[in-house]
Structures are given as C-alpha cells and as structure tokens.
Amino acid sequence: MDTEEKYIFERCGKGNPFRVPEGYFDGLTDQILTKVAAVEKEFASDAEPQPVTLHVVARKTIFRRWIAAASVAGIAVLTSTIWFSQSRKATQKTAIPVVAVSQSSSNDAYFDQLANYTAMDNDDIYNYCVEQN
C-alpha cells in the first residue's frame, strides 16, 4: 500500500462511509416500473406520430456556396495586394533622398540645408530618429 492509502485508512478506517436508508432497494423496482408504465401510457395515447422534415441541400446550392467563398477570398487577396503595393510606393516617394556630402563641406552646413529642405525642426528630427530605432 502507498503511504497515502495507509494514512487514509488510519484516519477513516476501512468501513464504508456511504449509507442507504432502510428498505430503499425493496421498493425501488416497483417505483421504476410504475414510472415507466406512466410514460408508456402517455406515448401510447398519441395515435399519430409527428412528421419528421428532412432538409435536402442540392448539389447546386453547395457548389454556389463554395464559389461565393472562393470569390470573397480572391477579392480579399487582390485588395490586400493592391493596398500593400500602393503603401510601398508611397513610402518610397516620401523617403528623404540621401545626398553624398563632400569632405570639404561641414556637416553642420549640410544638416542645416537638409533641415531647411524638409522643413523640420530639432524635435521632429529627434522623434524620427527615435521611431527608427
């Protein structure tokens, strides 16, 4: 035996903790049979059975549903393709052109010229740099 079982037997003993009232099983079969007879009488009184309706779906209807689902999926793919291609073109147009700076010009003069060209102040440039990293 496991230690857990030994512990339970030591605490509770080996007796059955569940009890049934006296005479419960003596009248149980009679009670069940009377209830079954009552249910049988109830169903026997219904002379006409209720009709059962079957829903038959034509193959044409199933085919139309598949065509509709495929059309919706195709439209979704086409729309997303167009949307993402246009957004890619828009980001390519708004990209800041990088111009090679010669060694003779100072970085500050180039930066000032770039800032004037893009109409950005220091806060905008800082926010852009933070978003990129």
C-alpha atoms as a PDB file:
ATOM      1  CA  MET A   1       0.000   0.000   0.000  1.00  0.00           C
ATOM      2  CA  ASP A   2       1.026   3.549  -0.620  1.00  0.00           C
ATOM      3  CA  THR A   3       1.681   5.884   2.236  1.00  0.00           C
ATOM      4  CA  GLU A   4      -1.359   7.939   1.246  1.00  0.00           C
ATOM      5  CA  GLU A   5      -3.658   4.928   1.477  1.00  0.00           C
ATOM      6  CA  LYS A   6      -2.220   3.974   4.848  1.00  0.00           C
ATOM      7  CA  TYR A   7      -2.797   7.493   6.096  1.00  0.00           C
ATOM      8  CA  ILE A   8      -6.427   7.421   4.918  1.00  0.00           C
ATOM      9  CA  PHE A   9      -7.073   4.004   6.488  1.00  0.00           C
ATOM     10  CA  GLU A  10      -5.548   5.141   9.784  1.00  0.00           C
ATOM     11  CA  ARG A  11      -7.698   8.289   9.858  1.00  0.00           C
ATOM     12  CA  CYS A  12     -11.020   6.941   8.498  1.00  0.00           C
ATOM     13  CA  GLY A  13     -10.873   3.217   8.976  1.00  0.00           C
ATOM     14  CA  LYS A  14     -11.848   0.544   6.466  1.00  0.00           C
ATOM     15  CA  GLY A  15     -15.617   0.891   6.884  1.00  0.00           C
ATOM     16  CA  ASN A  16     -17.876   2.127   4.080  1.00  0.00           C
ATOM     17  CA  PRO A  17     -18.793   5.782   4.743  1.00  0.00           C
ATOM     18  CA  PHE A  18     -21.883   5.636   2.475  1.00  0.00           C
ATOM     19  CA  ARG A  19     -25.222   4.536   3.897  1.00  0.00           C
ATOM     20  CA  VAL A  20     -28.526   3.685   2.206  1.00  0.00           C
ATOM     21  CA  PRO A  21     -31.840   4.191   4.005  1.00  0.00           C
ATOM     22  CA  GLU A  22     -33.515   1.028   5.307  1.00  0.00           C
ATOM     23  CA  GLY A  23     -35.787  -0.598   2.714  1.00  0.00           C
ATOM     24  CA  TYR A  24     -34.647   1.644  -0.154  1.00  0.00           C
ATOM     25  CA  PHE A  25     -33.921  -1.166  -2.578  1.00  0.00           C
ATOM     26  CA  ASP A  26     -37.050  -3.121  -1.563  1.00  0.00           C
ATOM     27  CA  GLY A  27     -39.437  -0.631  -3.186  1.00  0.00           C
ATOM     28  CA  LEU A  28     -37.103   0.692  -5.882  1.00  0.00           C
ATOM     29  CA  THR A  29     -38.105  -1.705  -8.660  1.00  0.00           C
ATOM     30  CA  ASP A  30     -41.818  -1.052  -8.086  1.00  0.00           C
ATOM     31  CA  GLN A  31     -41.269   2.720  -8.271  1.00  0.00           C
ATOM     32  CA  ILE A  32     -39.300   2.452 -11.517  1.00  0.00           C
ATOM     33  CA  LEU A  33     -41.879   0.162 -13.133  1.00  0.00           C
ATOM     34  CA  THR A  34     -44.783   2.494 -12.264  1.00  0.00           C
ATOM     35  CA  LYS A  35     -42.946   5.480 -13.741  1.00  0.00           C
ATOM     36  CA  VAL A  36     -42.139   3.543 -16.926  1.00  0.00           C
ATOM     37  CA  ALA A  37     -45.769   2.450 -17.271  1.00  0.00           C
ATOM     38  CA  ALA A  38     -46.942   6.065 -16.912  1.00  0.00           C
ATOM     39  CA  VAL A  39     -44.555   7.211 -19.640  1.00  0.00           C
ATOM     40  CA  GLU A  40     -45.654   4.365 -21.942  1.00  0.00           C
ATOM     41  CA  LYS A  41     -49.320   5.312 -21.457  1.00  0.00           C
ATOM     42  CA  GLU A  42     -48.519   8.923 -22.323  1.00  0.00           C
ATOM     43  CA  PHE A  43     -46.810   7.943 -25.569  1.00  0.00           C
ATOM     44  CA  ALA A  44     -49.451   5.319 -26.395  1.00  0.00           C
ATOM     45  CA  SER A  45     -52.191   7.971 -26.247  1.00  0.00           C
ATOM     46  CA  ASP A  46     -50.536   9.870 -29.115  1.00  0.00           C
ATOM     47  CA  ALA A  47     -52.087   7.994 -32.020  1.00  0.00           C
ATOM     48  CA  GLU A  48     -50.465   9.951 -34.824  1.00  0.00           C
ATOM     49  CA  PRO A  49     -46.720  10.314 -34.900  1.00  0.00           C
ATOM     50  CA  GLN A  50     -45.245  13.731 -35.576  1.00  0.00           C
ATOM     51  CA  PRO A  51     -43.891  14.178 -39.102  1.00  0.00           C
ATOM     52  CA  VAL A  52     -40.165  14.498 -39.487  1.00  0.00           C
ATOM     53  CA  THR A  53     -38.915  17.031 -42.010  1.00  0.00           C
ATOM     54  CA  LEU A  54     -35.677  16.406 -43.817  1.00  0.00           C
ATOM     55  CA  HIS A  55     -33.726  19.246 -45.318  1.00  0.00           C
ATOM     56  CA  VAL A  56     -32.086  18.148 -48.505  1.00  0.00           C
ATOM     57  CA  VAL A  57     -29.494  20.533 -49.869  1.00  0.00           C
ATOM     58  CA  ALA A  58     -28.996  20.357 -53.598  1.00  0.00           C
ATOM     59  CA  ARG A  59     -25.512  19.998 -55.022  1.00  0.00           C
ATOM     60  CA  LYS A  60     -26.074  23.195 -56.947  1.00  0.00           C
ATOM     61  CA  THR A  61     -26.553  25.102 -53.670  1.00  0.00           C
ATOM     62  CA  ILE A  62     -23.390  23.627 -52.174  1.00  0.00           C
ATOM     63  CA  PHE A  63     -21.444  24.497 -55.311  1.00  0.00           C
ATOM     64  CA  ARG A  64     -22.742  28.080 -55.185  1.00  0.00           C
ATOM     65  CA  ARG A  65     -21.606  28.425 -51.566  1.00  0.00           C
ATOM     66  CA  TRP A  66     -18.094  27.255 -52.479  1.00  0.00           C
ATOM     67  CA  ILE A  67     -17.984  29.687 -55.411  1.00  0.00           C
ATOM     68  CA  ALA A  68     -19.083  32.548 -53.138  1.00  0.00           C
ATOM     69  CA  ALA A  69     -16.436  31.675 -50.541  1.00  0.00           C
ATOM     70  CA  ALA A  70     -13.719  31.471 -53.206  1.00  0.00           C
ATOM     71  CA  SER A  71     -14.817  34.827 -54.642  1.00  0.00           C
ATOM     72  CA  VAL A  72     -14.635  36.515 -51.255  1.00  0.00           C
ATOM     73  CA  ALA A  73     -11.182  35.043 -50.619  1.00  0.00           C
ATOM     74  CA  GLY A  74      -9.977  36.163 -54.067  1.00  0.00           C
ATOM     75  CA  ILE A  75     -11.254  39.699 -53.526  1.00  0.00           C
ATOM     76  CA  ALA A  76      -9.531  39.831 -50.139  1.00  0.00           C
ATOM     77  CA  VAL A  77      -6.209  38.718 -51.643  1.00  0.00           C
ATOM     78  CA  LEU A  78      -6.497  41.162 -54.543  1.00  0.00           C
ATOM     79  CA  THR A  79      -7.397  44.072 -52.262  1.00  0.00           C
ATOM     80  CA  SER A  80      -4.531  43.389 -49.863  1.00  0.00           C
ATOM     81  CA  THR A  81      -2.067  43.066 -52.763  1.00  0.00           C
ATOM     82  CA  ILE A  82      -3.115  46.424 -54.201  1.00  0.00           C
ATOM     83  CA  TRP A  83      -3.148  48.067 -50.776  1.00  0.00           C
ATOM     84  CA  PHE A  84       0.346  46.941 -49.829  1.00  0.00           C
ATOM     85  CA  SER A  85       1.845  47.747 -53.225  1.00  0.00           C
ATOM     86  CA  GLN A  86       0.473  51.283 -53.062  1.00  0.00           C
ATOM     87  CA  SER A  87       1.652  51.788 -49.488  1.00  0.00           C
ATOM     88  CA  ARG A  88       5.125  50.607 -50.530  1.00  0.00           C
ATOM     89  CA  LYS A  89       5.159  53.132 -53.381  1.00  0.00           C
ATOM     90  CA  ALA A  90       4.042  55.886 -51.016  1.00  0.00           C
ATOM     91  CA  THR A  91       6.869  55.142 -48.587  1.00  0.00           C
ATOM     92  CA  GLN A  92       9.360  55.141 -51.443  1.00  0.00           C
ATOM     93  CA  LYS A  93       8.155  58.586 -52.563  1.00  0.00           C
ATOM     94  CA  THR A  94       8.325  60.107 -49.084  1.00  0.00           C
ATOM     95  CA  ALA A  95      11.796  58.789 -48.323  1.00  0.00           C
ATOM     96  CA  ILE A  96      14.373  61.506 -47.758  1.00  0.00           C
ATOM     97  CA  PRO A  97      16.965  61.461 -50.521  1.00  0.00           C
ATOM     98  CA  VAL A  98      20.472  60.878 -49.287  1.00  0.00           C
ATOM     99  CA  VAL A  99      22.996  63.092 -50.996  1.00  0.00           C
ATOM    100  CA  ALA A 100      26.688  62.368 -50.771  1.00  0.00           C
ATOM    101  CA  VAL A 101      28.486  65.104 -48.896  1.00  0.00           C
ATOM    102  CA  SER A 102      31.943  66.052 -49.942  1.00  0.00           C
ATOM    103  CA  GLN A 103      34.628  66.146 -47.303  1.00  0.00           C
ATOM    104  CA  SER A 104      35.235  69.877 -47.802  1.00  0.00           C
ATOM    105  CA  SER A 105      31.773  70.985 -46.647  1.00  0.00           C
ATOM    106  CA  SER A 106      30.976  70.864 -42.978  1.00  0.00           C
ATOM    107  CA  ASN A 107      28.372  68.503 -41.563  1.00  0.00           C
ATOM    108  CA  ASP A 108      26.558  71.339 -39.811  1.00  0.00           C
ATOM    109  CA  ALA A 109      26.024  73.265 -43.034  1.00  0.00           C
ATOM    110  CA  TYR A 110      24.690  70.150 -44.751  1.00  0.00           C
ATOM    111  CA  PHE A 111      22.414  69.381 -41.791  1.00  0.00           C
ATOM    112  CA  ASP A 112      21.052  72.924 -41.791  1.00  0.00           C
ATOM    113  CA  GLN A 113      20.448  72.732 -45.519  1.00  0.00           C
ATOM    114  CA  LEU A 114      18.671  69.369 -45.127  1.00  0.00           C
ATOM    115  CA  ALA A 115      16.567  70.677 -42.225  1.00  0.00           C
ATOM    116  CA  ASN A 116      15.506  73.706 -44.281  1.00  0.00           C
ATOM    117  CA  TYR A 117      14.703  71.483 -47.256  1.00  0.00           C
ATOM    118  CA  THR A 118      12.493  69.169 -45.242  1.00  0.00           C
ATOM    119  CA  ALA A 119      11.060  71.960 -43.054  1.00  0.00           C
ATOM    120  CA  MET A 120      11.849  70.006 -39.907  1.00  0.00           C
ATOM    121  CA  ASP A 121      12.959  71.341 -36.572  1.00  0.00           C
ATOM    122  CA  ASN A 122      15.087  69.575 -33.974  1.00  0.00           C
ATOM    123  CA  ASP A 123      12.113  67.976 -32.203  1.00  0.00           C
ATOM    124  CA  ASP A 124      10.816  66.433 -35.429  1.00  0.00           C
ATOM    125  CA  ILE A 125      14.237  65.062 -36.304  1.00  0.00           C
ATOM    126  CA  TYR A 126      14.679  63.666 -32.799  1.00  0.00           C
ATOM    127  CA  ASN A 127      11.242  61.980 -32.911  1.00  0.00           C
ATOM    128  CA  TYR A 128      12.026  60.497 -36.330  1.00  0.00           C
ATOM    129  CA  CYS A 129      15.330  59.099 -35.097  1.00  0.00           C
ATOM    130  CA  VAL A 130      13.673  57.606 -32.010  1.00  0.00           C
ATOM    131  CA  GLU A 131      10.964  55.952 -34.126  1.00  0.00           C
ATOM    132  CA  GLN A 132      13.544  54.407 -36.445  1.00  0.00           C
ATOM    133  CA  ASN A 133      15.413  52.727 -33.572  1.00  0.00           C
END
